[in-house]
Amino acid sequence: MRDWIKDNFFLSFYFCIALSVVLCACGSDDDSSSPSSSATYDLSGTWNYSMTQTLNSEGSLDPEQQGQLVLTQNGDLFTIDVGDGEPENGTITGNHYVIEYSESYNAGTSKHYMYFDASSSEALEGERTSTWTDGVSSLEYRWIFSAQKVIVERTEIWGHSNSEFTLLKDSNGGISITGEWRSGTVVCKMTKGSAEILTDYLSFSGTGIATNPLAPEGYKTSPFTLQSNGYLNNGEYDGNYVLTFTTYGWPSNQTFSAVSTKKSGEGITGY
């Protein structure tokens, strides 16, 4: 397999790493050192969400926003990732979840506040408010937020060498995928992806964040997308992959092939 990091990364002193692309499951990790929690529920998992705008001080209302997010809960802390490369972090008290932060935006300051309550381990409801001001002008936006947890019915784990990817089939028949690609100190963690199976043909795509702690400041992370397609046969997936980074200084499009074998699970691929 091609040494694409070494050949393509302009900061070669930091990134001369032989690529042996691997794919590891990145489901929820059991960490015995996690802090104790007063949270009522563990909401870690994939959720279908919608946000309906109720206030826009600029004028017209936006249409309802819908999508899918991954929520990861660790003690009294949580993270929401909608696959745009900018996960949001918050705190938990009982069944009350809060995200609050400020950031510089368009020569002013933008403040974001979101709360939601878990009415069960499978349903969320709440509100989100964003405000912006430059000290002279100000704007405000509000949304009603709701989400329903995607219940996983089937799981299959496929591996290549000492690595893995995980397919998850939900109660509606949808198939999602999570994974983690590693090459030396470079880690590409895919937190959101979808898959489709047509008889013996598997295709999937996903997004996430790549990190390299040895890179200089400003180049340690990059959003990435991954696309793959290939054939299933006798417990093997012979796949072609395209990996794309978006941060300047990282390689752009990279292609590779790998044969993975099923390690556990059933009911998704038929193999």
Protein backbone atom coordinates (compact mmCIF):
# COMPACT_ATOMS: atom_id res chain seq x y z
CA MET A 1 0.00 0.00 0.00
CA ARG A 2 1.24 3.46 -0.93
CA ASP A 3 3.04 5.60 1.65
CA TRP A 4 0.64 8.50 1.02
CA ILE A 5 1.31 10.45 4.21
CA LYS A 6 5.02 10.53 3.48
CA ASP A 7 4.56 11.37 -0.20
CA ASN A 8 1.82 13.97 0.13
CA PHE A 9 2.02 15.76 3.44
CA PHE A 10 3.96 18.98 3.03
CA LEU A 11 5.04 18.85 6.68
CA SER A 12 6.94 15.65 6.01
CA PHE A 13 9.15 15.97 9.09
CA TYR A 14 6.06 15.41 11.23
CA PHE A 15 4.16 13.06 8.96
CA CYS A 16 6.62 10.60 7.41
CA ILE A 17 4.57 7.59 8.41
CA ALA A 18 4.21 4.41 6.37
CA LEU A 19 0.52 3.92 5.74
CA SER A 20 -0.96 0.62 6.58
CA VAL A 21 -4.57 1.77 6.67
CA VAL A 22 -6.50 0.07 9.42
CA LEU A 23 -10.08 0.29 10.51
CA CYS A 24 -11.02 -0.07 14.17
CA ALA A 25 -14.41 -0.13 15.78
CA CYS A 26 -15.16 3.13 17.50
CA GLY A 27 -18.26 2.29 19.44
CA SER A 28 -18.69 3.32 23.05
CA ASP A 29 -15.67 2.43 25.16
CA ASP A 30 -15.99 0.91 28.58
CA ASP A 31 -13.67 2.99 30.74
CA SER A 32 -13.51 1.96 34.36
CA SER A 33 -11.84 5.28 35.14
CA SER A 34 -14.86 7.30 33.96
CA PRO A 35 -16.20 9.71 36.56
CA SER A 36 -19.26 8.73 38.56
CA SER A 37 -22.50 10.13 37.22
CA SER A 38 -25.76 11.53 38.55
CA ALA A 39 -27.29 11.22 35.06
CA THR A 40 -30.65 9.51 34.99
CA TYR A 41 -30.02 7.76 31.66
CA ASP A 42 -27.10 6.76 29.48
CA LEU A 43 -28.02 8.31 26.12
CA SER A 44 -24.92 7.23 24.20
CA GLY A 45 -25.84 6.23 20.67
CA THR A 46 -27.24 7.47 17.37
CA TRP A 47 -30.28 9.77 17.30
CA ASN A 48 -32.60 11.15 14.62
CA TYR A 49 -33.28 14.81 15.45
CA SER A 50 -35.28 17.80 14.24
CA MET A 51 -35.06 21.52 15.05
CA THR A 52 -37.90 23.92 14.25
CA GLN A 53 -37.02 27.60 14.34
CA THR A 54 -39.38 29.74 16.42
CA LEU A 55 -37.50 33.07 16.29
CA ASN A 56 -35.22 34.72 13.75
CA SER A 57 -34.64 38.42 14.40
CA GLU A 58 -33.32 38.79 10.84
CA GLY A 59 -36.80 38.10 9.49
CA SER A 60 -38.03 34.95 7.79
CA LEU A 61 -38.11 31.59 9.53
CA ASP A 62 -35.94 28.78 8.25
CA PRO A 63 -37.58 25.44 7.43
CA GLU A 64 -37.31 22.61 9.90
CA GLN A 65 -33.84 21.09 10.13
CA GLN A 66 -33.57 17.30 10.32
CA GLY A 67 -30.64 14.96 10.56
CA GLN A 68 -28.76 12.42 12.62
CA LEU A 69 -26.31 12.87 15.47
CA VAL A 70 -24.10 10.73 17.66
CA LEU A 71 -24.34 11.36 21.40
CA THR A 72 -21.54 10.13 23.66
CA GLN A 73 -22.02 10.23 27.43
CA ASN A 74 -19.22 9.95 30.00
CA GLY A 75 -20.20 10.47 33.59
CA ASP A 76 -21.77 13.93 33.90
CA LEU A 77 -20.32 15.08 30.57
CA PHE A 78 -21.59 14.50 27.04
CA THR A 79 -20.70 15.26 23.42
CA ILE A 80 -22.99 15.74 20.42
CA ASP A 81 -21.50 15.15 16.97
CA VAL A 82 -23.58 15.91 13.86
CA GLY A 83 -20.70 15.04 11.51
CA ASP A 84 -19.69 18.59 10.59
CA GLY A 85 -16.30 18.41 12.30
CA GLU A 86 -17.34 20.56 15.27
CA PRO A 87 -18.67 18.39 18.14
CA GLU A 88 -20.36 20.25 21.01
CA ASN A 89 -19.78 19.43 24.67
CA GLY A 90 -22.11 19.81 27.63
CA THR A 91 -22.91 18.84 31.21
CA ILE A 92 -25.56 16.60 32.75
CA THR A 93 -27.60 16.89 35.93
CA GLY A 94 -30.09 14.09 36.27
CA ASN A 95 -32.07 14.11 33.03
CA HIS A 96 -31.16 17.75 32.25
CA TYR A 97 -28.51 18.31 29.56
CA VAL A 98 -26.91 21.71 28.85
CA ILE A 99 -24.57 23.03 26.14
CA GLU A 100 -23.28 26.60 26.61
CA TYR A 101 -20.37 28.38 24.93
CA SER A 102 -19.30 31.61 23.21
CA GLU A 103 -17.19 32.18 20.11
CA SER A 104 -15.95 35.04 17.95
CA TYR A 105 -17.96 35.41 14.76
CA ASN A 106 -18.18 38.06 12.04
CA ALA A 107 -16.40 40.78 14.07
CA GLY A 108 -18.65 40.12 17.06
CA THR A 109 -19.43 37.51 19.70
CA SER A 110 -21.85 34.63 19.21
CA LYS A 111 -23.31 32.90 22.27
CA HIS A 112 -24.99 29.50 22.16
CA TYR A 113 -27.20 27.93 24.79
CA MET A 114 -29.02 24.62 24.42
CA TYR A 115 -30.82 22.47 26.91
CA PHE A 116 -32.87 19.32 26.60
CA ASP A 117 -34.46 16.86 28.96
CA ALA A 118 -34.47 13.10 28.53
CA SER A 119 -38.06 12.02 29.08
CA SER A 120 -36.81 8.42 28.66
CA SER A 121 -33.66 6.70 27.43
CA GLU A 122 -35.05 7.01 23.88
CA ALA A 123 -36.62 10.50 23.67
CA LEU A 124 -35.27 14.07 24.04
CA GLU A 125 -36.98 17.47 23.98
CA GLY A 126 -35.59 20.96 24.51
CA GLU A 127 -34.68 24.35 23.06
CA ARG A 128 -31.69 26.09 21.54
CA THR A 129 -30.90 29.83 21.53
CA SER A 130 -28.11 31.61 19.67
CA THR A 131 -27.35 35.33 19.93
CA TRP A 132 -24.83 37.56 18.19
CA THR A 133 -23.68 41.11 18.94
CA ASP A 134 -20.83 43.39 17.92
CA GLY A 135 -21.65 45.91 20.63
CA VAL A 136 -23.90 47.90 18.31
CA SER A 137 -26.15 45.47 16.48
CA SER A 138 -27.53 42.17 17.78
CA LEU A 139 -29.39 39.14 16.44
CA GLU A 140 -31.20 36.25 18.13
CA TYR A 141 -32.35 32.84 16.94
CA ARG A 142 -34.35 30.13 18.71
CA TRP A 143 -35.26 26.55 17.90
CA ILE A 144 -37.35 23.76 19.42
CA PHE A 145 -35.30 20.56 19.51
CA SER A 146 -36.45 16.93 19.67
CA ALA A 147 -34.75 13.60 19.02
CA GLN A 148 -35.56 9.90 18.95
CA LYS A 149 -32.91 7.26 19.58
CA VAL A 150 -32.10 4.84 16.78
CA ILE A 151 -32.49 1.36 18.27
CA VAL A 152 -29.81 -1.03 17.01
CA GLU A 153 -31.11 -4.53 16.31
CA ARG A 154 -28.11 -6.11 14.58
CA THR A 155 -24.34 -5.61 14.76
CA GLU A 156 -21.54 -7.03 12.64
CA ILE A 157 -17.83 -6.44 13.22
CA TRP A 158 -15.47 -6.79 10.27
CA GLY A 159 -11.69 -6.65 10.57
CA HIS A 160 -8.56 -6.23 8.50
CA SER A 161 -5.29 -7.34 10.12
CA ASN A 162 -5.63 -6.15 13.76
CA SER A 163 -8.33 -3.59 13.01
CA GLU A 164 -12.11 -3.47 12.65
CA PHE A 165 -15.19 -1.69 11.32
CA THR A 166 -18.67 -2.03 12.74
CA LEU A 167 -21.99 -2.18 10.87
CA LEU A 168 -25.16 -1.38 12.83
CA LYS A 169 -28.69 -2.11 11.60
CA ASP A 170 -31.54 -0.24 13.29
CA SER A 171 -35.19 -1.13 13.82
CA ASN A 172 -36.17 0.76 10.64
CA GLY A 173 -33.76 -1.23 8.48
CA GLY A 174 -31.17 1.56 8.14
CA ILE A 175 -27.49 0.59 8.27
CA SER A 176 -24.84 2.82 9.84
CA ILE A 177 -21.11 2.36 10.20
CA THR A 178 -18.44 3.61 12.60
CA GLY A 179 -14.70 3.22 12.37
CA GLU A 180 -11.21 4.40 13.09
CA TRP A 181 -8.27 4.46 10.69
CA ARG A 182 -4.73 4.63 12.11
CA SER A 183 -1.30 5.20 10.59
CA GLY A 184 1.43 5.83 13.13
CA THR A 185 0.30 8.85 15.15
CA VAL A 186 -2.43 9.77 12.64
CA VAL A 187 -5.91 8.71 13.79
CA CYS A 188 -8.98 9.10 11.55
CA LYS A 189 -12.10 8.57 13.66
CA MET A 190 -15.36 8.28 11.74
CA THR A 191 -18.30 9.09 14.00
CA LYS A 192 -21.07 9.20 11.41
CA GLY A 193 -21.61 6.99 8.37
CA SER A 194 -24.23 5.08 6.42
CA ALA A 195 -24.09 1.88 4.39
CA GLU A 196 -26.10 0.14 1.68
CA ILE A 197 -26.12 -3.54 0.73
CA LEU A 198 -27.37 -4.89 -2.60
CA THR A 199 -27.06 -8.69 -2.60
CA ASP A 200 -23.26 -9.17 -2.48
CA TYR A 201 -22.32 -5.50 -2.98
CA LEU A 202 -21.51 -3.24 0.00
CA SER A 203 -21.00 0.51 -0.18
CA PHE A 204 -20.63 3.03 2.62
CA SER A 205 -19.55 6.59 3.34
CA GLY A 206 -18.85 8.57 6.47
CA THR A 207 -17.31 11.65 8.05
CA GLY A 208 -15.13 12.37 11.04
CA ILE A 209 -12.02 14.07 12.38
CA ALA A 210 -8.40 13.06 11.77
CA THR A 211 -5.79 13.98 14.38
CA ASN A 212 -2.02 13.92 14.63
CA PRO A 213 -0.66 15.09 18.01
CA LEU A 214 2.86 15.46 16.56
CA ALA A 215 1.80 18.01 13.96
CA PRO A 216 2.46 21.72 14.57
CA GLU A 217 -0.28 23.96 15.91
CA GLY A 218 -2.94 24.66 13.33
CA TYR A 219 -2.42 21.34 11.56
CA LYS A 220 -3.17 18.78 14.27
CA THR A 221 -6.70 18.01 13.04
CA SER A 222 -8.60 17.78 9.78
CA PRO A 223 -12.18 16.82 8.92
CA PHE A 224 -12.29 13.90 6.51
CA THR A 225 -14.73 11.88 4.44
CA LEU A 226 -14.45 8.23 3.54
CA GLN A 227 -16.16 6.34 0.73
CA SER A 228 -15.89 2.63 0.06
CA ASN A 229 -17.45 0.04 -2.22
CA GLY A 230 -16.72 -3.60 -2.88
CA TYR A 231 -18.00 -7.15 -2.87
CA LEU A 232 -18.92 -9.60 -0.14
CA ASN A 233 -17.97 -13.26 -0.55
CA ASN A 234 -17.64 -16.09 1.97
CA GLY A 235 -17.21 -13.84 4.98
CA GLU A 236 -14.87 -11.37 3.27
CA TYR A 237 -15.30 -7.79 2.09
CA ASP A 238 -12.97 -6.85 -0.77
CA GLY A 239 -13.27 -3.07 -0.73
CA ASN A 240 -11.88 -0.02 -2.51
CA TYR A 241 -11.58 3.16 -0.42
CA VAL A 242 -11.29 6.91 -1.06
CA LEU A 243 -10.16 9.01 1.93
CA THR A 244 -10.40 12.81 1.62
CA PHE A 245 -9.01 15.43 4.03
CA THR A 246 -10.12 19.08 3.95
CA THR A 247 -7.45 20.91 5.99
CA TYR A 248 -4.62 22.57 4.07
CA GLY A 249 -1.37 20.68 4.54
CA TRP A 250 -3.03 17.29 4.79
CA PRO A 251 -3.16 15.06 1.69
CA SER A 252 -6.29 15.49 -0.44
CA ASN A 253 -7.76 12.37 -2.08
CA GLN A 254 -6.14 9.04 -1.19
CA THR A 255 -7.18 5.62 -2.48
CA PHE A 256 -6.42 2.14 -1.20
CA SER A 257 -7.83 -1.38 -1.14
CA ALA A 258 -8.23 -3.87 1.70
CA VAL A 259 -9.83 -7.25 2.32
CA SER A 260 -11.70 -7.51 5.64
CA THR A 261 -13.22 -10.57 7.25
CA LYS A 262 -16.25 -10.79 9.51
CA LYS A 263 -15.29 -11.35 13.13
CA SER A 264 -18.70 -11.45 14.83
CA GLY A 265 -22.42 -10.75 14.44
CA GLU A 266 -25.01 -11.61 11.82
CA GLY A 267 -28.19 -10.45 10.13
CA ILE A 268 -26.84 -7.49 8.13
CA THR A 269 -24.65 -8.57 5.21
CA GLY A 270 -25.85 -12.17 4.92
CA TYR A 271 -22.27 -13.41 5.15
